């Protein structure tokens, strides 16, 4: 399973220095995409865990 390209691009956007940009000027869509990314990453564990267990049977997934 690959991480969607949009998740990678959003992560790059989040790493930009936005400290001198007024928070009110950030589009609402940015917050929605960030929330979507969090949901995707949270659910990714369910998808990746079986693969990790197959590849690394001794691994402890927390």
N, C-alpha and C. Protein backbone atom coordinates (compact mmCIF):
# COMPACT_ATOMS: atom_id res chain seq x y z
N UNK A 1 0.83 -1.17 0.00
CA UNK A 1 0.00 0.00 0.00
C UNK A 1 0.88 1.24 0.00
N UNK A 2 0.58 2.16 -0.88
CA UNK A 2 1.36 3.38 -0.98
C UNK A 2 0.62 4.54 -0.33
N UNK A 3 1.38 5.48 0.16
CA UNK A 3 0.78 6.69 0.70
C UNK A 3 0.34 7.53 -0.49
N UNK A 4 -0.92 7.98 -0.51
CA UNK A 4 -1.39 8.78 -1.64
C UNK A 4 -0.52 10.02 -1.85
N UNK A 5 -0.34 10.41 -3.09
CA UNK A 5 0.48 11.56 -3.43
C UNK A 5 -0.04 12.82 -2.75
N UNK A 6 -1.36 12.94 -2.63
CA UNK A 6 -1.93 14.14 -2.01
C UNK A 6 -1.53 14.25 -0.54
N UNK A 7 -1.37 13.12 0.15
CA UNK A 7 -0.94 13.15 1.55
C UNK A 7 0.50 13.66 1.63
N UNK A 8 1.35 13.21 0.73
CA UNK A 8 2.74 13.69 0.70
C UNK A 8 2.82 15.17 0.40
N UNK A 9 2.04 15.64 -0.57
CA UNK A 9 2.05 17.06 -0.92
C UNK A 9 1.54 17.90 0.24
N UNK A 10 0.50 17.43 0.91
CA UNK A 10 -0.04 18.17 2.04
C UNK A 10 0.99 18.26 3.16
N UNK A 11 1.71 17.19 3.39
CA UNK A 11 2.75 17.20 4.42
C UNK A 11 3.81 18.25 4.08
N UNK A 12 4.17 18.36 2.81
CA UNK A 12 5.15 19.38 2.41
C UNK A 12 4.60 20.77 2.67
N UNK A 13 3.31 20.99 2.38
CA UNK A 13 2.69 22.29 2.64
C UNK A 13 2.71 22.62 4.12
N UNK A 14 2.43 21.63 4.95
CA UNK A 14 2.38 21.85 6.39
C UNK A 14 3.75 22.20 6.95
N UNK A 15 4.81 21.78 6.28
CA UNK A 15 6.16 22.06 6.76
C UNK A 15 6.65 23.45 6.38
N UNK A 16 5.90 24.16 5.54
CA UNK A 16 6.27 25.53 5.20
C UNK A 16 6.20 26.41 6.44
N UNK A 17 7.02 27.43 6.48
CA UNK A 17 6.98 28.36 7.61
C UNK A 17 5.83 29.33 7.38
N UNK A 18 4.74 29.11 8.09
CA UNK A 18 3.56 29.95 7.95
C UNK A 18 3.44 30.95 9.09
N UNK A 19 4.52 31.15 9.85
CA UNK A 19 4.46 31.99 11.05
C UNK A 19 4.15 33.45 10.73
N UNK A 20 4.55 33.94 9.57
CA UNK A 20 4.27 35.34 9.24
C UNK A 20 3.03 35.49 8.37
N UNK A 21 2.22 34.47 8.28
CA UNK A 21 0.97 34.55 7.53
C UNK A 21 -0.17 34.55 8.53
N UNK A 22 -1.05 35.51 8.39
CA UNK A 22 -2.20 35.60 9.27
C UNK A 22 -3.05 34.35 9.12
N UNK A 23 -3.39 33.72 10.23
CA UNK A 23 -4.16 32.47 10.20
C UNK A 23 -5.49 32.64 9.48
N UNK A 24 -6.03 33.85 9.52
CA UNK A 24 -7.33 34.10 8.87
C UNK A 24 -7.22 34.04 7.35
N UNK A 25 -6.01 34.18 6.82
CA UNK A 25 -5.85 34.16 5.37
C UNK A 25 -5.66 32.75 4.83
N UNK A 26 -5.41 31.78 5.73
CA UNK A 26 -5.27 30.40 5.26
C UNK A 26 -6.64 29.87 4.85
N UNK A 27 -6.72 29.23 3.73
CA UNK A 27 -8.02 28.73 3.28
C UNK A 27 -8.57 27.64 4.20
N UNK A 28 -9.88 27.63 4.32
CA UNK A 28 -10.55 26.60 5.13
C UNK A 28 -10.23 25.21 4.58
N UNK A 29 -10.03 25.12 3.27
CA UNK A 29 -9.74 23.83 2.65
C UNK A 29 -8.44 23.23 3.18
N UNK A 30 -7.48 24.08 3.58
CA UNK A 30 -6.22 23.58 4.14
C UNK A 30 -6.49 22.82 5.44
N UNK A 31 -7.36 23.38 6.29
CA UNK A 31 -7.70 22.71 7.54
C UNK A 31 -8.44 21.41 7.26
N UNK A 32 -9.33 21.43 6.28
CA UNK A 32 -10.07 20.21 5.94
C UNK A 32 -9.13 19.13 5.43
N UNK A 33 -8.16 19.52 4.60
CA UNK A 33 -7.19 18.55 4.09
C UNK A 33 -6.32 18.00 5.21
N UNK A 34 -5.96 18.85 6.16
CA UNK A 34 -5.16 18.39 7.30
C UNK A 34 -5.94 17.37 8.11
N UNK A 35 -7.22 17.64 8.33
CA UNK A 35 -8.06 16.69 9.06
C UNK A 35 -8.19 15.38 8.29
N UNK A 36 -8.34 15.48 6.98
CA UNK A 36 -8.44 14.28 6.14
C UNK A 36 -7.15 13.46 6.24
N UNK A 37 -6.01 14.15 6.24
CA UNK A 37 -4.73 13.45 6.36
C UNK A 37 -4.64 12.71 7.69
N UNK A 38 -5.08 13.36 8.76
CA UNK A 38 -5.04 12.70 10.07
C UNK A 38 -5.89 11.44 10.07
N UNK A 39 -7.07 11.52 9.49
CA UNK A 39 -7.95 10.35 9.42
C UNK A 39 -7.29 9.26 8.59
N UNK A 40 -6.71 9.62 7.45
CA UNK A 40 -6.08 8.62 6.59
C UNK A 40 -4.94 7.94 7.33
N UNK A 41 -4.09 8.73 8.00
CA UNK A 41 -2.95 8.15 8.71
C UNK A 41 -3.41 7.29 9.88
N UNK A 42 -4.48 7.71 10.56
CA UNK A 42 -5.01 6.92 11.67
C UNK A 42 -5.49 5.55 11.18
N UNK A 43 -6.19 5.57 10.05
CA UNK A 43 -6.72 4.32 9.51
C UNK A 43 -5.67 3.50 8.78
N UNK A 44 -4.56 4.14 8.42
CA UNK A 44 -3.49 3.42 7.72
C UNK A 44 -2.94 2.29 8.57
N UNK A 45 -2.95 2.48 9.88
CA UNK A 45 -2.44 1.43 10.76
C UNK A 45 -3.21 0.13 10.55
N UNK A 46 -4.52 0.24 10.39
CA UNK A 46 -5.34 -0.95 10.16
C UNK A 46 -4.93 -1.66 8.88
N UNK A 47 -4.53 -0.88 7.88
CA UNK A 47 -4.15 -1.46 6.59
C UNK A 47 -2.72 -1.99 6.61
N UNK A 48 -1.82 -1.30 7.29
CA UNK A 48 -0.41 -1.68 7.27
C UNK A 48 -0.06 -2.76 8.28
N UNK A 49 -0.79 -2.83 9.38
CA UNK A 49 -0.43 -3.77 10.44
C UNK A 49 -0.36 -5.22 9.97
N UNK A 50 -1.35 -5.73 9.21
CA UNK A 50 -1.25 -7.12 8.75
C UNK A 50 -0.01 -7.37 7.88
N UNK A 51 0.34 -6.39 7.05
CA UNK A 51 1.53 -6.53 6.21
C UNK A 51 2.79 -6.55 7.07
N UNK A 52 2.86 -5.65 8.05
CA UNK A 52 4.02 -5.64 8.95
C UNK A 52 4.16 -6.96 9.68
N UNK A 53 3.04 -7.51 10.13
CA UNK A 53 3.09 -8.78 10.87
C UNK A 53 3.57 -9.92 9.97
N UNK A 54 3.19 -9.88 8.68
CA UNK A 54 3.65 -10.92 7.75
C UNK A 54 5.14 -10.80 7.48
N UNK A 55 5.60 -9.58 7.25
CA UNK A 55 7.00 -9.36 6.92
C UNK A 55 7.91 -9.52 8.13
N UNK A 56 7.42 -9.06 9.28
CA UNK A 56 8.23 -9.07 10.51
C UNK A 56 7.42 -9.72 11.62
N UNK A 57 7.34 -11.04 11.64
CA UNK A 57 6.48 -11.72 12.61
C UNK A 57 6.84 -11.43 14.07
N UNK A 58 8.07 -11.04 14.33
CA UNK A 58 8.49 -10.78 15.71
C UNK A 58 8.29 -9.32 16.14
N UNK A 59 7.80 -8.48 15.23
CA UNK A 59 7.65 -7.07 15.55
C UNK A 59 6.48 -6.86 16.50
N UNK A 60 6.65 -5.90 17.39
CA UNK A 60 5.56 -5.55 18.30
C UNK A 60 4.96 -4.23 17.80
N UNK A 61 3.73 -4.28 17.31
CA UNK A 61 3.06 -3.09 16.79
C UNK A 61 2.22 -2.50 17.91
N UNK A 62 2.53 -1.25 18.24
CA UNK A 62 1.80 -0.59 19.34
C UNK A 62 0.78 0.36 18.80
